[in-house]
PDB file of N, CA and C in Angstrom:
ATOM      1  N   MET A   1       0.230 -35.707  44.333  1.00  0.00           N
ATOM      2  CA  MET A   1       0.243 -34.285  44.603  1.00  0.00           C
ATOM      3  C   MET A   1       1.806 -33.859  44.176  1.00  0.00           C
ATOM      4  N   PRO A   2       2.704 -34.080  44.665  1.00  0.00           N
ATOM      5  CA  PRO A   2       3.946 -33.056  44.138  1.00  0.00           C
ATOM      6  C   PRO A   2       3.795 -33.575  42.692  1.00  0.00           C
ATOM      7  N   ALA A   3       4.108 -35.218  42.082  1.00  0.00           N
ATOM      8  CA  ALA A   3       3.392 -34.556  40.324  1.00  0.00           C
ATOM      9  C   ALA A   3       2.969 -34.183  39.710  1.00  0.00           C
ATOM     10  N   LEU A   4       1.473 -33.619  40.789  1.00  0.00           N
ATOM     11  CA  LEU A   4       0.873 -32.344  39.653  1.00  0.00           C
ATOM     12  C   LEU A   4       1.586 -30.962  39.888  1.00  0.00           C
ATOM     13  N   LYS A   5       2.012 -30.563  41.348  1.00  0.00           N
ATOM     14  CA  LYS A   5       2.620 -29.814  41.644  1.00  0.00           C
ATOM     15  C   LYS A   5       3.761 -29.035  40.684  1.00  0.00           C
ATOM     16  N   LYS A   6       4.400 -30.249  40.177  1.00  0.00           N
ATOM     17  CA  LYS A   6       5.893 -30.248  39.205  1.00  0.00           C
ATOM     18  C   LYS A   6       5.630 -29.953  38.031  1.00  0.00           C
ATOM     19  N   GLN A   7       4.335 -30.467  37.300  1.00  0.00           N
ATOM     20  CA  GLN A   7       3.469 -30.749  36.334  1.00  0.00           C
ATOM     21  C   GLN A   7       3.070 -29.071  35.989  1.00  0.00           C
ATOM     22  N   LEU A   8       2.223 -28.328  37.013  1.00  0.00           N
ATOM     23  CA  LEU A   8       1.805 -26.912  36.986  1.00  0.00           C
ATOM     24  C   LEU A   8       3.029 -25.955  37.097  1.00  0.00           C
ATOM     25  N   ILE A   9       4.141 -26.289  37.898  1.00  0.00           N
ATOM     26  CA  ILE A   9       5.177 -25.315  37.856  1.00  0.00           C
ATOM     27  C   ILE A   9       5.839 -25.346  36.520  1.00  0.00           C
ATOM     28  N   GLN A  10       6.530 -26.473  35.864  1.00  0.00           N
ATOM     29  CA  GLN A  10       6.364 -26.410  34.517  1.00  0.00           C
ATOM     30  C   GLN A  10       5.793 -25.793  33.060  1.00  0.00           C
ATOM     31  N   SER A  11       4.708 -26.005  33.704  1.00  0.00           N
ATOM     32  CA  SER A  11       3.475 -25.747  32.666  1.00  0.00           C
ATOM     33  C   SER A  11       3.508 -24.071  32.461  1.00  0.00           C
ATOM     34  N   LEU A  12       3.377 -23.528  33.962  1.00  0.00           N
ATOM     35  CA  LEU A  12       3.431 -21.904  34.305  1.00  0.00           C
ATOM     36  C   LEU A  12       4.619 -22.011  33.970  1.00  0.00           C
ATOM     37  N   THR A  13       6.404 -22.184  33.956  1.00  0.00           N
ATOM     38  CA  THR A  13       7.473 -21.830  33.314  1.00  0.00           C
ATOM     39  C   THR A  13       7.198 -21.508  32.078  1.00  0.00           C
ATOM     40  N   LEU A  14       6.860 -22.142  31.187  1.00  0.00           N
ATOM     41  CA  LEU A  14       6.819 -22.591  29.903  1.00  0.00           C
ATOM     42  C   LEU A  14       5.929 -21.190  29.393  1.00  0.00           C
ATOM     43  N   ILE A  15       4.602 -20.970  29.904  1.00  0.00           N
ATOM     44  CA  ILE A  15       3.443 -19.809  29.305  1.00  0.00           C
ATOM     45  C   ILE A  15       4.159 -18.648  29.622  1.00  0.00           C
ATOM     46  N   PHE A  16       5.325 -18.251  31.178  1.00  0.00           N
ATOM     47  CA  PHE A  16       5.770 -17.249  30.957  1.00  0.00           C
ATOM     48  C   PHE A  16       6.813 -16.712  30.315  1.00  0.00           C
ATOM     49  N   PHE A  17       7.970 -18.134  29.361  1.00  0.00           N
ATOM     50  CA  PHE A  17       8.688 -17.826  28.905  1.00  0.00           C
ATOM     51  C   PHE A  17       8.606 -17.576  27.496  1.00  0.00           C
ATOM     52  N   SER A  18       7.142 -18.215  26.745  1.00  0.00           N
ATOM     53  CA  SER A  18       6.608 -18.081  25.762  1.00  0.00           C
ATOM     54  C   SER A  18       6.098 -16.919  25.632  1.00  0.00           C
ATOM     55  N   THR A  19       5.251 -15.839  26.517  1.00  0.00           N
ATOM     56  CA  THR A  19       4.605 -14.815  26.330  1.00  0.00           C
ATOM     57  C   THR A  19       6.120 -13.911  26.234  1.00  0.00           C
ATOM     58  N   LEU A  20       7.082 -13.956  27.318  1.00  0.00           N
ATOM     59  CA  LEU A  20       8.021 -13.043  27.032  1.00  0.00           C
ATOM     60  C   LEU A  20       8.732 -13.087  25.897  1.00  0.00           C
ATOM     61  N   LEU A  21       9.220 -14.072  25.278  1.00  0.00           N
ATOM     62  CA  LEU A  21       9.534 -14.153  23.769  1.00  0.00           C
ATOM     63  C   LEU A  21       8.538 -13.494  22.821  1.00  0.00           C
ATOM     64  N   LEU A  22       7.277 -13.456  23.029  1.00  0.00           N
ATOM     65  CA  LEU A  22       6.411 -13.047  22.231  1.00  0.00           C
ATOM     66  C   LEU A  22       6.299 -11.581  22.249  1.00  0.00           C
ATOM     67  N   ALA A  23       6.631 -11.267  23.686  1.00  0.00           N
ATOM     68  CA  ALA A  23       6.807  -9.940  24.091  1.00  0.00           C
ATOM     69  C   ALA A  23       8.057  -9.191  23.844  1.00  0.00           C
ATOM     70  N   SER A  24       9.107  -9.850  23.475  1.00  0.00           N
ATOM     71  CA  SER A  24       9.657  -8.946  23.149  1.00  0.00           C
ATOM     72  C   SER A  24      10.340  -8.616  21.445  1.00  0.00           C
ATOM     73  N   HIS A  25       9.373  -9.502  20.860  1.00  0.00           N
ATOM     74  CA  HIS A  25       9.487  -9.619  19.179  1.00  0.00           C
ATOM     75  C   HIS A  25       8.624  -9.284  18.823  1.00  0.00           C
ATOM     76  N   PRO A  26       7.844  -7.996  18.558  1.00  0.00           N
ATOM     77  CA  PRO A  26       6.439  -7.771  18.556  1.00  0.00           C
ATOM     78  C   PRO A  26       6.297  -7.265  16.679  1.00  0.00           C
ATOM     79  N   ALA A  27       5.677  -7.907  16.366  1.00  0.00           N
ATOM     80  CA  ALA A  27       5.555  -7.364  14.998  1.00  0.00           C
ATOM     81  C   ALA A  27       5.335  -6.530  14.592  1.00  0.00           C
ATOM     82  N   MET A  28       5.971  -5.964  13.209  1.00  0.00           N
ATOM     83  CA  MET A  28       5.650  -4.117  13.122  1.00  0.00           C
ATOM     84  C   MET A  28       5.340  -4.065  11.728  1.00  0.00           C
ATOM     85  N   ALA A  29       3.525  -4.236  11.294  1.00  0.00           N
ATOM     86  CA  ALA A  29       3.462  -4.624  10.118  1.00  0.00           C
ATOM     87  C   ALA A  29       2.839  -3.175   9.220  1.00  0.00           C
ATOM     88  N   GLU A  30       3.361  -3.106   8.134  1.00  0.00           N
ATOM     89  CA  GLU A  30       3.093  -1.741   7.572  1.00  0.00           C
ATOM     90  C   GLU A  30       2.008  -1.696   6.998  1.00  0.00           C
ATOM     91  N   THR A  31       1.283  -0.690   6.621  1.00  0.00           N
ATOM     92  CA  THR A  31      -0.151  -0.754   6.657  1.00  0.00           C
ATOM     93  C   THR A  31       0.047  -0.722   4.646  1.00  0.00           C
ATOM     94  N   ASP A  32      -1.154  -1.460   4.273  1.00  0.00           N
ATOM     95  CA  ASP A  32      -1.341  -1.705   2.817  1.00  0.00           C
ATOM     96  C   ASP A  32      -1.167  -0.502   1.917  1.00  0.00           C
ATOM     97  N   LEU A  33      -1.300   0.282   2.381  1.00  0.00           N
ATOM     98  CA  LEU A  33      -0.926   1.611   1.384  1.00  0.00           C
ATOM     99  C   LEU A  33       0.502   1.729   0.927  1.00  0.00           C
ATOM    100  N   ALA A  34       1.322   1.998   2.173  1.00  0.00           N
ATOM    101  CA  ALA A  34       3.020   1.847   2.090  1.00  0.00           C
ATOM    102  C   ALA A  34       3.190   0.511   1.943  1.00  0.00           C
ATOM    103  N   ASP A  35       2.893  -0.302   1.520  1.00  0.00           N
ATOM    104  CA  ASP A  35       3.412  -1.395   0.954  1.00  0.00           C
ATOM    105  C   ASP A  35       3.120  -1.351  -0.473  1.00  0.00           C
ATOM    106  N   GLN A  36       2.098  -0.681  -0.646  1.00  0.00           N
ATOM    107  CA  GLN A  36       1.729  -0.664  -2.477  1.00  0.00           C
ATOM    108  C   GLN A  36       2.790   0.561  -2.886  1.00  0.00           C
ATOM    109  N   LYS A  37       2.864   1.977  -1.981  1.00  0.00           N
ATOM    110  CA  LYS A  37       3.972   2.797  -2.444  1.00  0.00           C
ATOM    111  C   LYS A  37       5.497   2.382  -2.612  1.00  0.00           C
ATOM    112  N   LYS A  38       5.669   0.941  -1.650  1.00  0.00           N
ATOM    113  CA  LYS A  38       6.993   0.707  -1.883  1.00  0.00           C
ATOM    114  C   LYS A  38       7.238  -0.072  -3.081  1.00  0.00           C
ATOM    115  N   LEU A  39       6.139  -0.893  -3.454  1.00  0.00           N
ATOM    116  CA  LEU A  39       5.826  -1.563  -4.708  1.00  0.00           C
ATOM    117  C   LEU A  39       5.960  -0.971  -6.334  1.00  0.00           C
ATOM    118  N   LEU A  40       5.109   0.527  -5.901  1.00  0.00           N
ATOM    119  CA  LEU A  40       5.236   0.990  -7.176  1.00  0.00           C
ATOM    120  C   LEU A  40       7.006   1.703  -7.556  1.00  0.00           C
ATOM    121  N   ASN A  41       7.344   2.291  -5.815  1.00  0.00           N
ATOM    122  CA  ASN A  41       8.353   3.117  -6.554  1.00  0.00           C
ATOM    123  C   ASN A  41       9.683   1.988  -6.826  1.00  0.00           C
ATOM    124  N   ALA A  42       9.577   0.911  -6.152  1.00  0.00           N
ATOM    125  CA  ALA A  42      10.627  -0.591  -7.062  1.00  0.00           C
ATOM    126  C   ALA A  42      10.163  -0.569  -8.771  1.00  0.00           C
ATOM    127  N   ARG A  43       8.467  -0.365  -8.977  1.00  0.00           N
ATOM    128  CA  ARG A  43       8.744  -0.623 -10.507  1.00  0.00           C
ATOM    129  C   ARG A  43       9.226   0.543 -10.900  1.00  0.00           C
ATOM    130  N   VAL A  44       8.960   1.727 -10.351  1.00  0.00           N
ATOM    131  CA  VAL A  44       9.251   2.892 -11.553  1.00  0.00           C
ATOM    132  C   VAL A  44      11.180   2.733 -11.431  1.00  0.00           C
ATOM    133  N   MET A  45      11.478   2.462 -10.507  1.00  0.00           N
ATOM    134  CA  MET A  45      13.124   2.378 -10.784  1.00  0.00           C
ATOM    135  C   MET A  45      13.513   0.961 -11.203  1.00  0.00           C
ATOM    136  N   SER A  46      13.367  -0.008 -11.443  1.00  0.00           N
ATOM    137  CA  SER A  46      13.340  -0.918 -11.798  1.00  0.00           C
ATOM    138  C   SER A  46      13.147  -0.544 -13.468  1.00  0.00           C
ATOM    139  N   ARG A  47      12.183   0.056 -13.967  1.00  0.00           N
ATOM    140  CA  ARG A  47      11.820   0.532 -15.349  1.00  0.00           C
ATOM    141  C   ARG A  47      12.703   1.291 -15.929  1.00  0.00           C
ATOM    142  N   GLN A  48      13.211   2.718 -14.831  1.00  0.00           N
ATOM    143  CA  GLN A  48      13.590   3.918 -15.353  1.00  0.00           C
ATOM    144  C   GLN A  48      15.445   3.581 -15.649  1.00  0.00           C
ATOM    145  N   GLN A  49      16.280   1.639 -15.270  1.00  0.00           N
ATOM    146  CA  GLN A  49      17.385   1.703 -15.886  1.00  0.00           C
ATOM    147  C   GLN A  49      17.486   1.536 -17.012  1.00  0.00           C
ATOM    148  N   ASN A  50      16.528   0.646 -17.430  1.00  0.00           N
ATOM    149  CA  ASN A  50      16.890   0.681 -19.067  1.00  0.00           C
ATOM    150  C   ASN A  50      16.274   1.964 -20.374  1.00  0.00           C
ATOM    151  N   MET A  51      15.583   2.586 -19.475  1.00  0.00           N
ATOM    152  CA  MET A  51      15.448   3.834 -20.540  1.00  0.00           C
ATOM    153  C   MET A  51      15.856   4.719 -20.638  1.00  0.00           C
ATOM    154  N   ASP A  52      16.115   5.280 -22.199  1.00  0.00           N
ATOM    155  CA  ASP A  52      16.768   6.150 -22.507  1.00  0.00           C
ATOM    156  C   ASP A  52      15.799   7.175 -22.089  1.00  0.00           C
ATOM    157  N   HIS A  53      16.199   8.691 -21.468  1.00  0.00           N
ATOM    158  CA  HIS A  53      15.683  10.170 -21.387  1.00  0.00           C
ATOM    159  C   HIS A  53      15.922  11.409 -22.617  1.00  0.00           C
ATOM    160  N   ALA A  54      16.953  10.819 -22.981  1.00  0.00           N
ATOM    161  CA  ALA A  54      17.263  11.631 -24.092  1.00  0.00           C
ATOM    162  C   ALA A  54      16.919  11.915 -25.235  1.00  0.00           C
ATOM    163  N   ALA A  55      15.764  10.910 -25.203  1.00  0.00           N
ATOM    164  CA  ALA A  55      14.525  10.999 -26.723  1.00  0.00           C
ATOM    165  C   ALA A  55      13.693  11.850 -26.408  1.00  0.00           C
ATOM    166  N   HIS A  56      13.397  12.439 -25.097  1.00  0.00           N
ATOM    167  CA  HIS A  56      12.432  13.092 -24.256  1.00  0.00           C
ATOM    168  C   HIS A  56      12.365  14.332 -25.576  1.00  0.00           C
ATOM    169  N   LEU A  57      13.842  14.855 -25.446  1.00  0.00           N
ATOM    170  CA  LEU A  57      14.678  16.043 -25.206  1.00  0.00           C
ATOM    171  C   LEU A  57      14.321  16.331 -27.093  1.00  0.00           C
ATOM    172  N   THR A  58      13.870  15.662 -28.161  1.00  0.00           N
ATOM    173  CA  THR A  58      13.850  16.123 -29.573  1.00  0.00           C
ATOM    174  C   THR A  58      12.863  17.474 -29.258  1.00  0.00           C
ATOM    175  N   PRO A  59      12.834  18.616 -29.954  1.00  0.00           N
ATOM    176  CA  PRO A  59      11.691  19.300 -30.360  1.00  0.00           C
ATOM    177  C   PRO A  59      10.520  18.567 -31.069  1.00  0.00           C
ATOM    178  N   VAL A  60       9.219  19.264 -30.982  1.00  0.00           N
ATOM    179  CA  VAL A  60       8.498  18.550 -31.705  1.00  0.00           C
ATOM    180  C   VAL A  60       7.679  19.978 -32.801  1.00  0.00           C
ATOM    181  N   ASP A  61       7.550  19.857 -33.573  1.00  0.00           N
ATOM    182  CA  ASP A  61       7.504  20.432 -34.836  1.00  0.00           C
ATOM    183  C   ASP A  61       5.800  21.110 -34.641  1.00  0.00           C
ATOM    184  N   LYS A  62       6.079  22.448 -34.404  1.00  0.00           N
ATOM    185  CA  LYS A  62       4.567  23.020 -34.279  1.00  0.00           C
ATOM    186  C   LYS A  62       3.578  23.202 -35.179  1.00  0.00           C
ATOM    187  N   ASN A  63       3.889  22.932 -36.414  1.00  0.00           N
ATOM    188  CA  ASN A  63       3.212  22.410 -37.429  1.00  0.00           C
ATOM    189  C   ASN A  63       2.482  21.177 -37.335  1.00  0.00           C
ATOM    190  N   LEU A  64       2.299  20.350 -36.824  1.00  0.00           N
ATOM    191  CA  LEU A  64       1.822  18.997 -36.861  1.00  0.00           C
ATOM    192  C   LEU A  64       0.720  18.762 -35.196  1.00  0.00           C
ATOM    193  N   GLU A  65       1.283  19.952 -34.895  1.00  0.00           N
ATOM    194  CA  GLU A  65       0.270  20.233 -33.459  1.00  0.00           C
ATOM    195  C   GLU A  65      -1.123  20.338 -33.854  1.00  0.00           C
ATOM    196  N   PHE A  66      -1.969  19.494 -33.282  1.00  0.00           N
ATOM    197  CA  PHE A  66      -3.458  19.467 -33.667  1.00  0.00           C
ATOM    198  C   PHE A  66      -4.074  20.282 -32.692  1.00  0.00           C
ATOM    199  N   HIS A  67      -4.922  21.172 -32.949  1.00  0.00           N
ATOM    200  CA  HIS A  67      -5.777  21.737 -32.460  1.00  0.00           C
ATOM    201  C   HIS A  67      -6.886  22.294 -32.053  1.00  0.00           C
ATOM    202  N   GLY A  68      -7.619  21.010 -32.811  1.00  0.00           N
ATOM    203  CA  GLY A  68      -9.078  20.674 -32.319  1.00  0.00           C
ATOM    204  C   GLY A  68      -9.900  20.950 -33.853  1.00  0.00           C
ATOM    205  N   VAL A  69     -10.872  20.429 -33.893  1.00  0.00           N
ATOM    206  CA  VAL A  69     -11.974  20.859 -34.744  1.00  0.00           C
ATOM    207  C   VAL A  69     -13.032  21.916 -34.398  1.00  0.00           C
ATOM    208  N   PHE A  70     -12.934  23.219 -35.213  1.00  0.00           N
ATOM    209  CA  PHE A  70     -14.343  23.663 -34.274  1.00  0.00           C
ATOM    210  C   PHE A  70     -15.308  23.969 -35.215  1.00  0.00           C
ATOM    211  N   LEU A  71     -16.678  23.922 -34.758  1.00  0.00           N
ATOM    212  CA  LEU A  71     -17.794  24.279 -35.768  1.00  0.00           C
ATOM    213  C   LEU A  71     -18.929  24.973 -35.203  1.00  0.00           C
ATOM    214  N   ARG A  72     -19.429  25.958 -36.247  1.00  0.00           N
ATOM    215  CA  ARG A  72     -19.981  26.765 -36.374  1.00  0.00           C
ATOM    216  C   ARG A  72     -21.476  26.879 -36.184  1.00  0.00           C
ATOM    217  N   LEU A  73     -22.044  26.907 -35.247  1.00  0.00           N
ATOM    218  CA  LEU A  73     -23.290  26.599 -35.349  1.00  0.00           C
ATOM    219  C   LEU A  73     -24.465  27.239 -35.573  1.00  0.00           C
ATOM    220  N   SER A  74     -25.466  27.261 -36.579  1.00  0.00           N
ATOM    221  CA  SER A  74     -26.397  28.133 -36.734  1.00  0.00           C
ATOM    222  C   SER A  74     -27.389  28.490 -35.587  1.00  0.00           C
ATOM    223  N   PRO A  75     -28.017  29.758 -35.112  1.00  0.00           N
ATOM    224  CA  PRO A  75     -28.605  30.169 -34.592  1.00  0.00           C
ATOM    225  C   PRO A  75     -30.396  28.932 -34.818  1.00  0.00           C
ATOM    226  N   LEU A  76     -30.621  28.847 -33.833  1.00  0.00           N
ATOM    227  CA  LEU A  76     -32.211  27.932 -33.981  1.00  0.00           C
ATOM    228  C   LEU A  76     -33.336  29.344 -34.652  1.00  0.00           C
ATOM    229  N   ARG A  77     -34.017  28.580 -35.408  1.00  0.00           N
ATOM    230  CA  ARG A  77     -35.172  29.617 -36.373  1.00  0.00           C
ATOM    231  C   ARG A  77     -36.677  29.044 -35.848  1.00  0.00           C
TER     232      ARG A  77
END
């Protein structure tokens, strides 16, 4: 009987301290959307470091712009 009581006390002590350990360090998981946003921001930052943004400042020749094709439709007869 004393051996059984000692084993029970050891088991309860182990359960108590393991529960206390798990409760003191809760897992804080981020949502998938927050993880995707962080990944996208990291990708953008890594690609922008090697990009020369001065090339975007060159003016565009207005004569080379495409304005579309316009067709005149004949009335139905």
